């Protein structure tokens, strides 16, 4: 028997849905305001990993950080970028079986940092992969275990109760940073969600 969400859970979901729709409307209008500042990328990623460590342990999934040495600062809104990364890591954890691994990595890529969330989950079907950033995309609901995460690192579908906007919002936020985000996956091997964020330029650092 399916569990019926309580009033509190439904209220939280409605709040997330309203916030998400507002963010997407602002992004569509080119009015999504971000407080871009030089950010210590290594510290931000470490904080994201630490915030989800208990969730990973509860699911018997290893959560690993693989950070290149001497990462340069990035030009980002730290709260918004953390929101994107937490969404990706949470989705990856949901769709990675016990004994699997989720890895959050960062590498210099020209004038950008490439941040990657990779998992050893069951992967995304090719037909679904092209739609993972679509708003309210639903694939095979019977395979979905998603709650707040949207699309997941292993699914483009979600159960009723998910907002269906998480990855769409992530896409808009990364673009608003001047970067890009994309997904790659292989069934029975795992998925990789990659995003690029501009490195803070020397002039920006001097203004800090």
C-alpha atoms as a PDB file:
ATOM      1  CA  UNK A   1       0.000   0.000   0.000  1.00  0.00           C
ATOM      2  CA  UNK A   2       1.398   3.366  -1.017  1.00  0.00           C
ATOM      3  CA  UNK A   3       2.142   5.781   1.782  1.00  0.00           C
ATOM      4  CA  UNK A   4       0.000   8.920   1.647  1.00  0.00           C
ATOM      5  CA  UNK A   5       2.072  12.074   2.201  1.00  0.00           C
ATOM      6  CA  UNK A   6       1.144  14.000   5.323  1.00  0.00           C
ATOM      7  CA  UNK A   7      -0.080  17.587   5.326  1.00  0.00           C
ATOM      8  CA  UNK A   8       3.377  18.837   6.362  1.00  0.00           C
ATOM      9  CA  UNK A   9       5.071  16.987   3.496  1.00  0.00           C
ATOM     10  CA  UNK A  10       2.494  18.244   1.022  1.00  0.00           C
ATOM     11  CA  UNK A  11       2.985  21.804   2.255  1.00  0.00           C
ATOM     12  CA  UNK A  12       6.756  21.543   1.860  1.00  0.00           C
ATOM     13  CA  UNK A  13       6.327  20.125  -1.644  1.00  0.00           C
ATOM     14  CA  UNK A  14       3.980  22.950  -2.601  1.00  0.00           C
ATOM     15  CA  UNK A  15       6.481  25.487  -1.284  1.00  0.00           C
ATOM     16  CA  UNK A  16       9.282  23.909  -3.337  1.00  0.00           C
ATOM     17  CA  UNK A  17       7.077  23.863  -6.403  1.00  0.00           C
ATOM     18  CA  UNK A  18       6.186  27.552  -6.050  1.00  0.00           C
ATOM     19  CA  UNK A  19       9.839  28.508  -5.466  1.00  0.00           C
ATOM     20  CA  UNK A  20      10.939  26.418  -8.420  1.00  0.00           C
ATOM     21  CA  UNK A  21       8.363  27.872 -10.777  1.00  0.00           C
ATOM     22  CA  UNK A  22       9.368  31.390  -9.701  1.00  0.00           C
ATOM     23  CA  UNK A  23      13.043  30.674 -10.390  1.00  0.00           C
ATOM     24  CA  UNK A  24      12.251  29.237 -13.811  1.00  0.00           C
ATOM     25  CA  UNK A  25      10.021  32.183 -14.711  1.00  0.00           C
ATOM     26  CA  UNK A  26      12.813  34.590 -13.783  1.00  0.00           C
ATOM     27  CA  UNK A  27      15.328  32.541 -15.764  1.00  0.00           C
ATOM     28  CA  UNK A  28      13.043  32.523 -18.817  1.00  0.00           C
ATOM     29  CA  UNK A  29      12.764  36.303 -18.592  1.00  0.00           C
ATOM     30  CA  UNK A  30      16.528  36.724 -18.165  1.00  0.00           C
ATOM     31  CA  UNK A  31      15.940  38.195 -14.710  1.00  0.00           C
ATOM     32  CA  UNK A  32      17.397  35.500 -12.459  1.00  0.00           C
ATOM     33  CA  UNK A  33      19.649  37.538 -10.195  1.00  0.00           C
ATOM     34  CA  UNK A  34      22.757  35.884  -8.800  1.00  0.00           C
ATOM     35  CA  UNK A  35      25.228  37.341  -6.323  1.00  0.00           C
ATOM     36  CA  UNK A  36      28.370  36.257  -8.147  1.00  0.00           C
ATOM     37  CA  UNK A  37      31.546  36.400  -6.099  1.00  0.00           C
ATOM     38  CA  UNK A  38      34.887  34.562  -6.047  1.00  0.00           C
ATOM     39  CA  UNK A  39      34.249  31.242  -4.301  1.00  0.00           C
ATOM     40  CA  UNK A  40      36.681  28.657  -2.950  1.00  0.00           C
ATOM     41  CA  UNK A  41      35.598  25.712  -5.081  1.00  0.00           C
ATOM     42  CA  UNK A  42      37.333  23.034  -2.997  1.00  0.00           C
ATOM     43  CA  UNK A  43      35.701  24.280   0.206  1.00  0.00           C
ATOM     44  CA  UNK A  44      32.263  24.471  -1.432  1.00  0.00           C
ATOM     45  CA  UNK A  45      32.455  20.916  -2.748  1.00  0.00           C
ATOM     46  CA  UNK A  46      33.751  19.635   0.585  1.00  0.00           C
ATOM     47  CA  UNK A  47      30.807  21.304   2.358  1.00  0.00           C
ATOM     48  CA  UNK A  48      28.330  19.720  -0.059  1.00  0.00           C
ATOM     49  CA  UNK A  49      29.895  16.298   0.484  1.00  0.00           C
ATOM     50  CA  UNK A  50      29.876  16.705   4.260  1.00  0.00           C
ATOM     51  CA  UNK A  51      26.235  17.777   4.281  1.00  0.00           C
ATOM     52  CA  UNK A  52      25.216  14.532   2.555  1.00  0.00           C
ATOM     53  CA  UNK A  53      27.630  12.148   4.271  1.00  0.00           C
ATOM     54  CA  UNK A  54      25.039  10.834   6.728  1.00  0.00           C
ATOM     55  CA  UNK A  55      22.543  10.214   3.925  1.00  0.00           C
ATOM     56  CA  UNK A  56      25.189   8.239   2.033  1.00  0.00           C
ATOM     57  CA  UNK A  57      26.069   6.190   5.116  1.00  0.00           C
ATOM     58  CA  UNK A  58      22.401   5.399   5.744  1.00  0.00           C
ATOM     59  CA  UNK A  59      22.165   3.946   2.253  1.00  0.00           C
ATOM     60  CA  UNK A  60      25.520   2.130   2.485  1.00  0.00           C
ATOM     61  CA  UNK A  61      26.814   4.133  -0.471  1.00  0.00           C
ATOM     62  CA  UNK A  62      30.344   5.547  -0.503  1.00  0.00           C
ATOM     63  CA  UNK A  63      30.422   9.295  -1.129  1.00  0.00           C
ATOM     64  CA  UNK A  64      33.859  10.344  -2.368  1.00  0.00           C
ATOM     65  CA  UNK A  65      35.548  13.617  -3.273  1.00  0.00           C
ATOM     66  CA  UNK A  66      38.147  13.721  -6.054  1.00  0.00           C
ATOM     67  CA  UNK A  67      39.471  17.271  -6.231  1.00  0.00           C
ATOM     68  CA  UNK A  68      42.382  18.452  -8.327  1.00  0.00           C
ATOM     69  CA  UNK A  69      45.094  20.166  -6.302  1.00  0.00           C
ATOM     70  CA  UNK A  70      45.189  23.973  -6.161  1.00  0.00           C
ATOM     71  CA  UNK A  71      41.777  24.578  -7.678  1.00  0.00           C
ATOM     72  CA  UNK A  72      41.319  28.252  -8.598  1.00  0.00           C
ATOM     73  CA  UNK A  73      38.401  30.296  -7.235  1.00  0.00           C
ATOM     74  CA  UNK A  74      35.258  30.291  -9.341  1.00  0.00           C
ATOM     75  CA  UNK A  75      32.837  33.129 -10.000  1.00  0.00           C
ATOM     76  CA  UNK A  76      29.624  31.862  -8.469  1.00  0.00           C
ATOM     77  CA  UNK A  77      26.694  32.395  -6.156  1.00  0.00           C
ATOM     78  CA  UNK A  78      27.784  29.875  -3.547  1.00  0.00           C
ATOM     79  CA  UNK A  79      24.284  29.137  -2.212  1.00  0.00           C
ATOM     80  CA  UNK A  80      22.850  28.545  -5.669  1.00  0.00           C
ATOM     81  CA  UNK A  81      25.750  26.399  -6.847  1.00  0.00           C
ATOM     82  CA  UNK A  82      25.519  24.362  -3.644  1.00  0.00           C
ATOM     83  CA  UNK A  83      21.805  23.895  -4.393  1.00  0.00           C
ATOM     84  CA  UNK A  84      22.662  22.472  -7.815  1.00  0.00           C
ATOM     85  CA  UNK A  85      25.321  20.129  -6.469  1.00  0.00           C
ATOM     86  CA  UNK A  86      23.191  18.888  -3.570  1.00  0.00           C
ATOM     87  CA  UNK A  87      20.391  18.103  -5.998  1.00  0.00           C
ATOM     88  CA  UNK A  88      22.721  16.115  -8.241  1.00  0.00           C
ATOM     89  CA  UNK A  89      24.375  14.239  -5.374  1.00  0.00           C
ATOM     90  CA  UNK A  90      21.044  13.499  -3.670  1.00  0.00           C
ATOM     91  CA  UNK A  91      19.638  12.119  -6.908  1.00  0.00           C
ATOM     92  CA  UNK A  92      22.753  10.023  -7.430  1.00  0.00           C
ATOM     93  CA  UNK A  93      22.469   8.571  -3.917  1.00  0.00           C
ATOM     94  CA  UNK A  94      18.825   7.682  -4.463  1.00  0.00           C
ATOM     95  CA  UNK A  95      19.627   5.679  -7.558  1.00  0.00           C
ATOM     96  CA  UNK A  96      22.836   3.981  -6.459  1.00  0.00           C
ATOM     97  CA  UNK A  97      22.444   0.585  -4.755  1.00  0.00           C
ATOM     98  CA  UNK A  98      24.069  -0.317  -1.453  1.00  0.00           C
ATOM     99  CA  UNK A  99      27.765  -0.962  -1.946  1.00  0.00           C
ATOM    100  CA  UNK A 100      27.953   1.535  -4.800  1.00  0.00           C
ATOM    101  CA  UNK A 101      29.829   4.817  -5.056  1.00  0.00           C
ATOM    102  CA  UNK A 102      28.959   8.434  -5.780  1.00  0.00           C
ATOM    103  CA  UNK A 103      31.917  10.652  -6.631  1.00  0.00           C
ATOM    104  CA  UNK A 104      32.002  14.441  -6.678  1.00  0.00           C
ATOM    105  CA  UNK A 105      35.014  15.660  -8.628  1.00  0.00           C
ATOM    106  CA  UNK A 106      36.487  18.937  -9.885  1.00  0.00           C
ATOM    107  CA  UNK A 107      39.085  19.658 -12.555  1.00  0.00           C
ATOM    108  CA  UNK A 108      40.382  22.764 -14.319  1.00  0.00           C
ATOM    109  CA  UNK A 109      39.011  22.969 -17.881  1.00  0.00           C
ATOM    110  CA  UNK A 110      40.449  26.026 -19.622  1.00  0.00           C
ATOM    111  CA  UNK A 111      38.770  29.100 -18.158  1.00  0.00           C
ATOM    112  CA  UNK A 112      36.276  26.934 -16.275  1.00  0.00           C
ATOM    113  CA  UNK A 113      36.112  24.348 -13.565  1.00  0.00           C
ATOM    114  CA  UNK A 114      34.370  21.151 -14.580  1.00  0.00           C
ATOM    115  CA  UNK A 115      32.398  19.679 -11.682  1.00  0.00           C
ATOM    116  CA  UNK A 116      31.140  16.123 -12.051  1.00  0.00           C
ATOM    117  CA  UNK A 117      28.749  13.985 -10.029  1.00  0.00           C
ATOM    118  CA  UNK A 118      29.223  10.358 -11.068  1.00  0.00           C
ATOM    119  CA  UNK A 119      27.476   7.278  -9.706  1.00  0.00           C
ATOM    120  CA  UNK A 120      27.566   3.514 -10.113  1.00  0.00           C
ATOM    121  CA  UNK A 121      23.782   3.204 -10.350  1.00  0.00           C
ATOM    122  CA  UNK A 122      21.716   1.448 -13.000  1.00  0.00           C
ATOM    123  CA  UNK A 123      21.970   4.291 -15.495  1.00  0.00           C
ATOM    124  CA  UNK A 124      19.434   6.140 -17.614  1.00  0.00           C
ATOM    125  CA  UNK A 125      17.703   4.718 -20.677  1.00  0.00           C
ATOM    126  CA  UNK A 126      18.900   6.409 -23.903  1.00  0.00           C
ATOM    127  CA  UNK A 127      15.406   7.634 -24.768  1.00  0.00           C
ATOM    128  CA  UNK A 128      15.103   9.260 -21.343  1.00  0.00           C
ATOM    129  CA  UNK A 129      18.578  10.801 -21.288  1.00  0.00           C
ATOM    130  CA  UNK A 130      17.640  13.532 -23.766  1.00  0.00           C
ATOM    131  CA  UNK A 131      14.816  14.666 -21.473  1.00  0.00           C
ATOM    132  CA  UNK A 132      16.365  14.676 -17.998  1.00  0.00           C
ATOM    133  CA  UNK A 133      16.494  18.482 -17.880  1.00  0.00           C
ATOM    134  CA  UNK A 134      12.940  18.926 -19.183  1.00  0.00           C
ATOM    135  CA  UNK A 135      10.363  20.352 -16.797  1.00  0.00           C
ATOM    136  CA  UNK A 136       7.951  17.785 -15.369  1.00  0.00           C
ATOM    137  CA  UNK A 137       9.399  15.021 -17.548  1.00  0.00           C
ATOM    138  CA  UNK A 138       8.001  11.620 -16.601  1.00  0.00           C
ATOM    139  CA  UNK A 139       9.271   8.317 -17.890  1.00  0.00           C
ATOM    140  CA  UNK A 140       8.437   4.877 -16.460  1.00  0.00           C
ATOM    141  CA  UNK A 141       6.911   5.682 -13.062  1.00  0.00           C
ATOM    142  CA  UNK A 142       7.213   2.112 -11.885  1.00  0.00           C
ATOM    143  CA  UNK A 143      11.000   2.512 -11.797  1.00  0.00           C
ATOM    144  CA  UNK A 144      11.004   5.850 -10.001  1.00  0.00           C
ATOM    145  CA  UNK A 145      11.993   6.235  -6.365  1.00  0.00           C
ATOM    146  CA  UNK A 146      12.437   9.984  -6.498  1.00  0.00           C
ATOM    147  CA  UNK A 147      11.226  12.346  -3.827  1.00  0.00           C
ATOM    148  CA  UNK A 148      12.620  15.856  -3.824  1.00  0.00           C
ATOM    149  CA  UNK A 149      15.248  15.102  -6.443  1.00  0.00           C
ATOM    150  CA  UNK A 150      14.086  15.419 -10.003  1.00  0.00           C
ATOM    151  CA  UNK A 151      15.199  13.139 -12.774  1.00  0.00           C
ATOM    152  CA  UNK A 152      17.808  11.513 -10.593  1.00  0.00           C
ATOM    153  CA  UNK A 153      21.192  10.282 -11.561  1.00  0.00           C
ATOM    154  CA  UNK A 154      19.496   7.056 -12.534  1.00  0.00           C
ATOM    155  CA  UNK A 155      16.046   8.068 -13.764  1.00  0.00           C
ATOM    156  CA  UNK A 156      14.235  10.722 -15.713  1.00  0.00           C
ATOM    157  CA  UNK A 157      11.017   9.767 -13.970  1.00  0.00           C
ATOM    158  CA  UNK A 158       9.682  10.548 -10.527  1.00  0.00           C
ATOM    159  CA  UNK A 159       6.885   9.504  -8.231  1.00  0.00           C
ATOM    160  CA  UNK A 160       3.967  11.772  -7.488  1.00  0.00           C
ATOM    161  CA  UNK A 161       5.286  13.973  -4.693  1.00  0.00           C
ATOM    162  CA  UNK A 162       8.428  15.148  -6.446  1.00  0.00           C
ATOM    163  CA  UNK A 163       8.304  18.679  -7.819  1.00  0.00           C
ATOM    164  CA  UNK A 164       9.612  17.602 -11.227  1.00  0.00           C
ATOM    165  CA  UNK A 165      11.706  20.767 -11.460  1.00  0.00           C
ATOM    166  CA  UNK A 166      15.034  20.020  -9.769  1.00  0.00           C
ATOM    167  CA  UNK A 167      17.110  19.325 -12.866  1.00  0.00           C
ATOM    168  CA  UNK A 168      15.361  22.023 -14.882  1.00  0.00           C
ATOM    169  CA  UNK A 169      16.263  24.521 -12.160  1.00  0.00           C
ATOM    170  CA  UNK A 170      19.833  23.203 -12.056  1.00  0.00           C
ATOM    171  CA  UNK A 171      20.066  23.733 -15.821  1.00  0.00           C
ATOM    172  CA  UNK A 172      18.842  27.338 -15.534  1.00  0.00           C
ATOM    173  CA  UNK A 173      21.135  28.125 -12.591  1.00  0.00           C
ATOM    174  CA  UNK A 174      24.236  26.779 -14.326  1.00  0.00           C
ATOM    175  CA  UNK A 175      23.417  28.733 -17.491  1.00  0.00           C
ATOM    176  CA  UNK A 176      22.911  31.872 -15.377  1.00  0.00           C
ATOM    177  CA  UNK A 177      26.463  31.366 -14.106  1.00  0.00           C
ATOM    178  CA  UNK A 178      27.741  31.413 -17.690  1.00  0.00           C
ATOM    179  CA  UNK A 179      28.357  27.665 -17.693  1.00  0.00           C
ATOM    180  CA  UNK A 180      26.684  24.578 -19.071  1.00  0.00           C
ATOM    181  CA  UNK A 181      25.433  21.250 -17.727  1.00  0.00           C
ATOM    182  CA  UNK A 182      24.955  17.891 -19.407  1.00  0.00           C
ATOM    183  CA  UNK A 183      24.370  14.231 -18.607  1.00  0.00           C
ATOM    184  CA  UNK A 184      25.956  11.000 -19.798  1.00  0.00           C
ATOM    185  CA  UNK A 185      24.891   7.509 -18.850  1.00  0.00           C
ATOM    186  CA  UNK A 186      25.338   3.838 -19.599  1.00  0.00           C
ATOM    187  CA  UNK A 187      22.806   1.294 -18.444  1.00  0.00           C
ATOM    188  CA  UNK A 188      24.057  -1.041 -15.696  1.00  0.00           C
ATOM    189  CA  UNK A 189      27.223   1.085 -15.375  1.00  0.00           C
ATOM    190  CA  UNK A 190      26.167   4.461 -14.032  1.00  0.00           C
ATOM    191  CA  UNK A 191      25.604   8.129 -14.831  1.00  0.00           C
ATOM    192  CA  UNK A 192      27.659  11.315 -14.919  1.00  0.00           C
ATOM    193  CA  UNK A 193      26.257  14.812 -14.561  1.00  0.00           C
ATOM    194  CA  UNK A 194      28.851  17.424 -15.530  1.00  0.00           C
ATOM    195  CA  UNK A 195      28.759  21.182 -15.263  1.00  0.00           C
ATOM    196  CA  UNK A 196      31.194  23.993 -15.967  1.00  0.00           C
ATOM    197  CA  UNK A 197      31.529  27.197 -13.928  1.00  0.00           C
ATOM    198  CA  UNK A 198      33.800  30.105 -14.954  1.00  0.00           C
ATOM    199  CA  UNK A 199      37.021  30.625 -13.050  1.00  0.00           C
ATOM    200  CA  UNK A 200      37.188  34.015 -11.291  1.00  0.00           C
ATOM    201  CA  UNK A 201      39.417  36.350 -13.285  1.00  0.00           C
ATOM    202  CA  UNK A 202      42.268  38.321 -11.599  1.00  0.00           C
ATOM    203  CA  UNK A 203      40.363  41.609 -11.899  1.00  0.00           C
ATOM    204  CA  UNK A 204      37.427  40.080 -10.051  1.00  0.00           C
ATOM    205  CA  UNK A 205      39.690  38.810  -7.293  1.00  0.00           C
ATOM    206  CA  UNK A 206      41.195  42.262  -6.844  1.00  0.00           C
ATOM    207  CA  UNK A 207      37.705  43.743  -6.399  1.00  0.00           C
ATOM    208  CA  UNK A 208      36.862  41.297  -3.641  1.00  0.00           C
END
